[in-house]
Amino acid sequence: MKPYIITIARQYGSGGKTVGKMLSDRLHIPFYNREIITMASEDSGINAMLFTDERLKPDLITRLKSRYKGDLPLPSDSSKAYLRDDALFDYQAKIIRKLADQGPCVLIGRCADYVLKGRSDVVRVFVHADADFCLEQAMKVDSLPENEVARKIAEIDEYRAKYYKHHTGHDWYDARNYDLSLNSGVLGFDGVVEEIVQYMEVRSQFQK
């Protein structure tokens, strides 16, 4: 099977991160999630706490959308350009491209599917599930009342969608952004992993 970089976008509670770790273990390739923020912080010299985790700052949500251009801001001692959301995203995108250049890996979220567009060695996956399944899974890790967990799921999915729209210009839920859109509530985590692996095996046959 041809080696691939796997990007996983996921609804909160759908288990996309779990699926990514399972793929990493099965294929013996690196797994990157919040490690991307740590690396971007180390590379830029900016405190990791200033990097948003797939979330726009409130003042940006209502501003005009601007998609990722692949450029870093020019240094300026008289501005805070390096601390703007778009600039911080650019640093993460730089790390994503660097990791992809190093070889096969699993990348969770952060618009990695879009950042790596045009590459023939990327498998773009969206993991989703119905509300009940996501709630059930989220309740396993969130020590909150059920109604608060349900609200948290809705809020996280909303800000991930806005983050994706801002940086890519595309709809996070649009299946056309991905090679595979898989329902973990129907397939289970093992089934989602198996579908991704089978897809890579079939695709390899046509990309020799």
C-alpha atoms as a PDB file:
ATOM      1  CA  MET A   1       0.000   0.000   0.000  1.00  0.00           C
ATOM      2  CA  LYS A   2       1.275   3.450  -0.895  1.00  0.00           C
ATOM      3  CA  PRO A   3       2.122   5.581   2.171  1.00  0.00           C
ATOM      4  CA  TYR A   4      -0.273   8.454   2.778  1.00  0.00           C
ATOM      5  CA  ILE A   5      -0.665  11.492   4.978  1.00  0.00           C
ATOM      6  CA  ILE A   6      -4.101  11.244   6.615  1.00  0.00           C
ATOM      7  CA  THR A   7      -5.940  14.384   7.669  1.00  0.00           C
ATOM      8  CA  ILE A   8      -8.953  13.994   9.932  1.00  0.00           C
ATOM      9  CA  ALA A   9     -11.621  16.636  10.474  1.00  0.00           C
ATOM     10  CA  ARG A  10     -14.179  15.562  13.062  1.00  0.00           C
ATOM     11  CA  GLN A  11     -17.315  16.508  14.902  1.00  0.00           C
ATOM     12  CA  TYR A  12     -16.906  16.712  18.657  1.00  0.00           C
ATOM     13  CA  GLY A  13     -17.828  13.360  20.186  1.00  0.00           C
ATOM     14  CA  SER A  14     -17.536  11.441  16.913  1.00  0.00           C
ATOM     15  CA  GLY A  15     -14.222   9.907  17.958  1.00  0.00           C
ATOM     16  CA  GLY A  16     -12.145  11.345  15.137  1.00  0.00           C
ATOM     17  CA  LYS A  17      -9.132  11.764  17.399  1.00  0.00           C
ATOM     18  CA  THR A  18      -9.497   8.176  18.625  1.00  0.00           C
ATOM     19  CA  VAL A  19      -9.720   6.953  15.038  1.00  0.00           C
ATOM     20  CA  GLY A  20      -6.599   8.926  14.181  1.00  0.00           C
ATOM     21  CA  LYS A  21      -4.636   7.371  17.040  1.00  0.00           C
ATOM     22  CA  MET A  22      -5.836   3.904  16.043  1.00  0.00           C
ATOM     23  CA  LEU A  23      -4.680   4.525  12.463  1.00  0.00           C
ATOM     24  CA  SER A  24      -1.346   5.780  13.713  1.00  0.00           C
ATOM     25  CA  ASP A  25      -0.842   2.605  15.756  1.00  0.00           C
ATOM     26  CA  ARG A  26      -1.994   0.300  12.983  1.00  0.00           C
ATOM     27  CA  LEU A  27       0.110   1.907  10.245  1.00  0.00           C
ATOM     28  CA  HIS A  28       3.071   2.703  12.525  1.00  0.00           C
ATOM     29  CA  ILE A  29       3.121   6.359  11.524  1.00  0.00           C
ATOM     30  CA  PRO A  30       3.293   9.520  13.686  1.00  0.00           C
ATOM     31  CA  PHE A  31       0.153  11.108  15.136  1.00  0.00           C
ATOM     32  CA  TYR A  32      -0.157  14.883  15.530  1.00  0.00           C
ATOM     33  CA  ASN A  33      -2.916  16.806  17.258  1.00  0.00           C
ATOM     34  CA  ARG A  34      -2.099  19.515  19.799  1.00  0.00           C
ATOM     35  CA  GLU A  35       1.561  18.739  19.203  1.00  0.00           C
ATOM     36  CA  ILE A  36       1.184  21.013  16.166  1.00  0.00           C
ATOM     37  CA  ILE A  37       0.572  23.960  18.476  1.00  0.00           C
ATOM     38  CA  THR A  38       3.621  23.089  20.573  1.00  0.00           C
ATOM     39  CA  MET A  39       5.796  22.900  17.464  1.00  0.00           C
ATOM     40  CA  ALA A  40       4.394  26.158  16.075  1.00  0.00           C
ATOM     41  CA  SER A  41       5.104  27.834  19.406  1.00  0.00           C
ATOM     42  CA  GLU A  42       8.681  26.586  19.464  1.00  0.00           C
ATOM     43  CA  ASP A  43       9.248  27.577  15.837  1.00  0.00           C
ATOM     44  CA  SER A  44       7.801  31.077  16.186  1.00  0.00           C
ATOM     45  CA  GLY A  45       8.847  31.884  19.726  1.00  0.00           C
ATOM     46  CA  ILE A  46       5.226  32.727  20.581  1.00  0.00           C
ATOM     47  CA  ASN A  47       3.747  31.361  23.806  1.00  0.00           C
ATOM     48  CA  ALA A  48       1.627  28.272  23.081  1.00  0.00           C
ATOM     49  CA  MET A  49      -1.208  29.755  25.175  1.00  0.00           C
ATOM     50  CA  LEU A  50      -1.713  32.414  22.484  1.00  0.00           C
ATOM     51  CA  PHE A  51      -2.515  29.821  19.813  1.00  0.00           C
ATOM     52  CA  THR A  52      -6.251  29.130  19.510  1.00  0.00           C
ATOM     53  CA  ASP A  53      -7.307  25.495  19.164  1.00  0.00           C
ATOM     54  CA  GLU A  54      -9.438  25.589  15.978  1.00  0.00           C
ATOM     55  CA  ARG A  55     -11.245  28.607  17.329  1.00  0.00           C
ATOM     56  CA  LEU A  56     -11.480  32.205  16.160  1.00  0.00           C
ATOM     57  CA  LYS A  57     -11.125  35.019  18.652  1.00  0.00           C
ATOM     58  CA  PRO A  58     -14.509  36.741  19.202  1.00  0.00           C
ATOM     59  CA  ASP A  59     -13.427  39.884  17.374  1.00  0.00           C
ATOM     60  CA  LEU A  60     -12.693  37.904  14.232  1.00  0.00           C
ATOM     61  CA  ILE A  61     -15.916  35.929  13.998  1.00  0.00           C
ATOM     62  CA  THR A  62     -17.859  38.907  12.678  1.00  0.00           C
ATOM     63  CA  ARG A  63     -15.097  40.162  10.380  1.00  0.00           C
ATOM     64  CA  LEU A  64     -14.799  39.451   6.670  1.00  0.00           C
ATOM     65  CA  LYS A  65     -13.599  35.948   5.921  1.00  0.00           C
ATOM     66  CA  SER A  66     -10.003  35.613   4.737  1.00  0.00           C
ATOM     67  CA  ARG A  67      -8.712  32.296   3.504  1.00  0.00           C
ATOM     68  CA  TYR A  68      -5.220  30.898   4.006  1.00  0.00           C
ATOM     69  CA  LYS A  69      -2.680  32.301   1.543  1.00  0.00           C
ATOM     70  CA  GLY A  70       0.320  30.287   2.691  1.00  0.00           C
ATOM     71  CA  ASP A  71       2.288  33.372   3.738  1.00  0.00           C
ATOM     72  CA  LEU A  72       3.758  34.444   7.040  1.00  0.00           C
ATOM     73  CA  PRO A  73       3.473  38.105   8.060  1.00  0.00           C
ATOM     74  CA  LEU A  74       6.508  40.313   7.677  1.00  0.00           C
ATOM     75  CA  PRO A  75       8.230  41.246  10.947  1.00  0.00           C
ATOM     76  CA  SER A  76       7.187  44.546  12.400  1.00  0.00           C
ATOM     77  CA  ASP A  77       8.334  45.942  15.716  1.00  0.00           C
ATOM     78  CA  SER A  78       5.509  48.456  15.635  1.00  0.00           C
ATOM     79  CA  SER A  79       2.633  46.006  15.173  1.00  0.00           C
ATOM     80  CA  LYS A  80       1.167  42.867  16.707  1.00  0.00           C
ATOM     81  CA  ALA A  81       0.913  41.080  13.351  1.00  0.00           C
ATOM     82  CA  TYR A  82       2.431  37.935  14.762  1.00  0.00           C
ATOM     83  CA  LEU A  83      -0.368  37.634  17.318  1.00  0.00           C
ATOM     84  CA  ARG A  84      -3.307  37.907  14.921  1.00  0.00           C
ATOM     85  CA  ASP A  85      -5.372  34.788  14.298  1.00  0.00           C
ATOM     86  CA  ASP A  86      -4.372  34.540  10.646  1.00  0.00           C
ATOM     87  CA  ALA A  87      -0.693  34.845  11.498  1.00  0.00           C
ATOM     88  CA  LEU A  88      -0.958  32.237  14.238  1.00  0.00           C
ATOM     89  CA  PHE A  89      -2.723  29.931  11.811  1.00  0.00           C
ATOM     90  CA  ASP A  90       0.073  30.471   9.288  1.00  0.00           C
ATOM     91  CA  TYR A  91       2.607  29.220  11.818  1.00  0.00           C
ATOM     92  CA  GLN A  92       0.554  26.064  12.354  1.00  0.00           C
ATOM     93  CA  ALA A  93       0.189  25.610   8.593  1.00  0.00           C
ATOM     94  CA  LYS A  94       3.967  25.862   8.240  1.00  0.00           C
ATOM     95  CA  ILE A  95       4.359  23.017  10.744  1.00  0.00           C
ATOM     96  CA  ILE A  96       1.680  20.937   8.993  1.00  0.00           C
ATOM     97  CA  ARG A  97       3.495  21.256   5.673  1.00  0.00           C
ATOM     98  CA  LYS A  98       6.810  20.412   7.341  1.00  0.00           C
ATOM     99  CA  LEU A  99       5.374  17.280   8.972  1.00  0.00           C
ATOM    100  CA  ALA A 100       3.821  16.189   5.680  1.00  0.00           C
ATOM    101  CA  ASP A 101       7.165  16.644   3.921  1.00  0.00           C
ATOM    102  CA  GLN A 102       8.777  14.365   6.487  1.00  0.00           C
ATOM    103  CA  GLY A 103       6.556  11.456   5.511  1.00  0.00           C
ATOM    104  CA  PRO A 104       3.313   9.602   6.281  1.00  0.00           C
ATOM    105  CA  CYS A 105       1.476  10.723   9.407  1.00  0.00           C
ATOM    106  CA  VAL A 106      -1.967  11.397  10.858  1.00  0.00           C
ATOM    107  CA  LEU A 107      -2.937  15.061  11.291  1.00  0.00           C
ATOM    108  CA  ILE A 108      -5.985  16.011  13.358  1.00  0.00           C
ATOM    109  CA  GLY A 109      -8.031  19.090  12.440  1.00  0.00           C
ATOM    110  CA  ARG A 110      -6.521  22.570  11.895  1.00  0.00           C
ATOM    111  CA  CYS A 111      -7.632  22.676   8.241  1.00  0.00           C
ATOM    112  CA  ALA A 112      -4.807  20.291   7.350  1.00  0.00           C
ATOM    113  CA  ASP A 113      -6.827  18.976   4.403  1.00  0.00           C
ATOM    114  CA  TYR A 114      -6.841  22.478   2.910  1.00  0.00           C
ATOM    115  CA  VAL A 115      -3.280  23.391   3.870  1.00  0.00           C
ATOM    116  CA  LEU A 116      -2.063  20.278   2.021  1.00  0.00           C
ATOM    117  CA  LYS A 117      -4.324  20.704  -1.017  1.00  0.00           C
ATOM    118  CA  GLY A 118      -2.792  19.706  -4.320  1.00  0.00           C
ATOM    119  CA  ARG A 119      -0.708  16.882  -2.846  1.00  0.00           C
ATOM    120  CA  SER A 120      -1.373  13.434  -4.295  1.00  0.00           C
ATOM    121  CA  ASP A 121      -0.283  11.673  -1.096  1.00  0.00           C
ATOM    122  CA  VAL A 122      -3.000  13.052   1.190  1.00  0.00           C
ATOM    123  CA  VAL A 123      -6.151  11.225   2.284  1.00  0.00           C
ATOM    124  CA  ARG A 124      -8.730  13.695   3.601  1.00  0.00           C
ATOM    125  CA  VAL A 125     -11.276  12.267   6.059  1.00  0.00           C
ATOM    126  CA  PHE A 126     -14.291  13.733   7.864  1.00  0.00           C
ATOM    127  CA  VAL A 127     -15.598  11.721  10.826  1.00  0.00           C
ATOM    128  CA  HIS A 128     -19.148  12.455  11.964  1.00  0.00           C
ATOM    129  CA  ALA A 129     -22.007  10.831  13.847  1.00  0.00           C
ATOM    130  CA  ASP A 130     -25.550  11.546  14.961  1.00  0.00           C
ATOM    131  CA  ALA A 131     -26.233  13.700  18.004  1.00  0.00           C
ATOM    132  CA  ASP A 132     -27.026  10.810  20.366  1.00  0.00           C
ATOM    133  CA  PHE A 133     -23.790   8.983  19.583  1.00  0.00           C
ATOM    134  CA  CYS A 134     -21.685  12.140  19.969  1.00  0.00           C
ATOM    135  CA  LEU A 135     -23.407  12.898  23.264  1.00  0.00           C
ATOM    136  CA  GLU A 136     -22.817   9.372  24.536  1.00  0.00           C
ATOM    137  CA  GLN A 137     -19.122   9.519  23.662  1.00  0.00           C
ATOM    138  CA  ALA A 138     -18.633  13.045  25.020  1.00  0.00           C
ATOM    139  CA  MET A 139     -20.298  12.091  28.318  1.00  0.00           C
ATOM    140  CA  LYS A 140     -17.502   9.562  28.838  1.00  0.00           C
ATOM    141  CA  VAL A 141     -14.904  12.318  29.082  1.00  0.00           C
ATOM    142  CA  ASP A 142     -16.864  15.396  30.183  1.00  0.00           C
ATOM    143  CA  SER A 143     -17.914  15.466  33.850  1.00  0.00           C
ATOM    144  CA  LEU A 144     -20.870  17.752  33.191  1.00  0.00           C
ATOM    145  CA  PRO A 145     -24.661  17.416  33.167  1.00  0.00           C
ATOM    146  CA  GLU A 146     -26.051  15.996  29.933  1.00  0.00           C
ATOM    147  CA  ASN A 147     -27.619  19.272  28.802  1.00  0.00           C
ATOM    148  CA  GLU A 148     -24.315  21.107  29.285  1.00  0.00           C
ATOM    149  CA  VAL A 149     -22.402  18.475  27.320  1.00  0.00           C
ATOM    150  CA  ALA A 150     -24.940  18.743  24.491  1.00  0.00           C
ATOM    151  CA  ARG A 151     -24.449  22.499  24.461  1.00  0.00           C
ATOM    152  CA  LYS A 152     -20.676  22.072  24.493  1.00  0.00           C
ATOM    153  CA  ILE A 153     -20.833  19.763  21.458  1.00  0.00           C
ATOM    154  CA  ALA A 154     -22.886  22.306  19.523  1.00  0.00           C
ATOM    155  CA  GLU A 155     -20.538  25.144  20.477  1.00  0.00           C
ATOM    156  CA  ILE A 156     -17.353  23.277  19.557  1.00  0.00           C
ATOM    157  CA  ASP A 157     -18.741  22.140  16.206  1.00  0.00           C
ATOM    158  CA  GLU A 158     -19.849  25.699  15.509  1.00  0.00           C
ATOM    159  CA  TYR A 159     -16.479  27.280  16.211  1.00  0.00           C
ATOM    160  CA  ARG A 160     -14.662  24.559  14.251  1.00  0.00           C
ATOM    161  CA  ALA A 161     -16.927  25.266  11.289  1.00  0.00           C
ATOM    162  CA  LYS A 162     -16.314  29.021  11.573  1.00  0.00           C
ATOM    163  CA  TYR A 163     -12.573  28.470  11.903  1.00  0.00           C
ATOM    164  CA  TYR A 164     -12.554  26.308   8.781  1.00  0.00           C
ATOM    165  CA  LYS A 165     -14.683  28.785   6.825  1.00  0.00           C
ATOM    166  CA  HIS A 166     -12.471  31.701   7.826  1.00  0.00           C
ATOM    167  CA  HIS A 167      -9.210  30.067   6.804  1.00  0.00           C
ATOM    168  CA  THR A 168     -10.337  28.098   3.740  1.00  0.00           C
ATOM    169  CA  GLY A 169     -13.425  29.828   2.375  1.00  0.00           C
ATOM    170  CA  HIS A 170     -15.213  26.455   2.364  1.00  0.00           C
ATOM    171  CA  ASP A 171     -17.999  24.802   4.363  1.00  0.00           C
ATOM    172  CA  TRP A 172     -16.565  22.437   6.985  1.00  0.00           C
ATOM    173  CA  TYR A 173     -19.513  20.055   6.554  1.00  0.00           C
ATOM    174  CA  ASP A 174     -19.268  19.880   2.738  1.00  0.00           C
ATOM    175  CA  ALA A 175     -18.354  16.304   1.768  1.00  0.00           C
ATOM    176  CA  ARG A 176     -16.652  17.627  -1.370  1.00  0.00           C
ATOM    177  CA  ASN A 177     -13.763  18.816   0.806  1.00  0.00           C
ATOM    178  CA  TYR A 178     -12.889  15.232   1.712  1.00  0.00           C
ATOM    179  CA  ASP A 179     -12.061  11.891   0.144  1.00  0.00           C
ATOM    180  CA  LEU A 180     -14.095  10.062   2.767  1.00  0.00           C
ATOM    181  CA  SER A 181     -16.970  11.139   5.022  1.00  0.00           C
ATOM    182  CA  LEU A 182     -17.570   8.362   7.556  1.00  0.00           C
ATOM    183  CA  ASN A 183     -20.246   7.887  10.220  1.00  0.00           C
ATOM    184  CA  SER A 184     -18.581   6.477  13.348  1.00  0.00           C
ATOM    185  CA  GLY A 185     -21.970   5.983  14.975  1.00  0.00           C
ATOM    186  CA  VAL A 186     -22.813   3.418  12.299  1.00  0.00           C
ATOM    187  CA  LEU A 187     -19.396   1.895  11.592  1.00  0.00           C
ATOM    188  CA  GLY A 188     -17.838   2.109  15.042  1.00  0.00           C
ATOM    189  CA  PHE A 189     -14.248   3.250  15.473  1.00  0.00           C
ATOM    190  CA  ASP A 190     -12.798  -0.031  14.197  1.00  0.00           C
ATOM    191  CA  GLY A 191     -15.055   0.142  11.163  1.00  0.00           C
ATOM    192  CA  VAL A 192     -13.989   3.708  10.348  1.00  0.00           C
ATOM    193  CA  VAL A 193     -10.327   2.695  10.586  1.00  0.00           C
ATOM    194  CA  GLU A 194     -10.963  -0.292   8.323  1.00  0.00           C
ATOM    195  CA  GLU A 195     -12.748   1.850   5.729  1.00  0.00           C
ATOM    196  CA  ILE A 196      -9.841   4.293   5.608  1.00  0.00           C
ATOM    197  CA  VAL A 197      -7.270   1.512   5.251  1.00  0.00           C
ATOM    198  CA  GLN A 198      -9.289  -0.201   2.508  1.00  0.00           C
ATOM    199  CA  TYR A 199      -9.652   3.104   0.679  1.00  0.00           C
ATOM    200  CA  MET A 200      -5.882   3.629   0.775  1.00  0.00           C
ATOM    201  CA  GLU A 201      -5.298   0.115  -0.544  1.00  0.00           C
ATOM    202  CA  VAL A 202      -7.674   0.644  -3.473  1.00  0.00           C
ATOM    203  CA  ARG A 203      -6.346   4.117  -4.209  1.00  0.00           C
ATOM    204  CA  SER A 204      -2.785   2.819  -4.221  1.00  0.00           C
ATOM    205  CA  GLN A 205      -3.654   0.582  -7.137  1.00  0.00           C
ATOM    206  CA  PHE A 206      -4.505   3.611  -9.263  1.00  0.00           C
ATOM    207  CA  GLN A 207      -1.564   5.785  -8.187  1.00  0.00           C
ATOM    208  CA  LYS A 208       1.364   3.521  -9.001  1.00  0.00           C
END
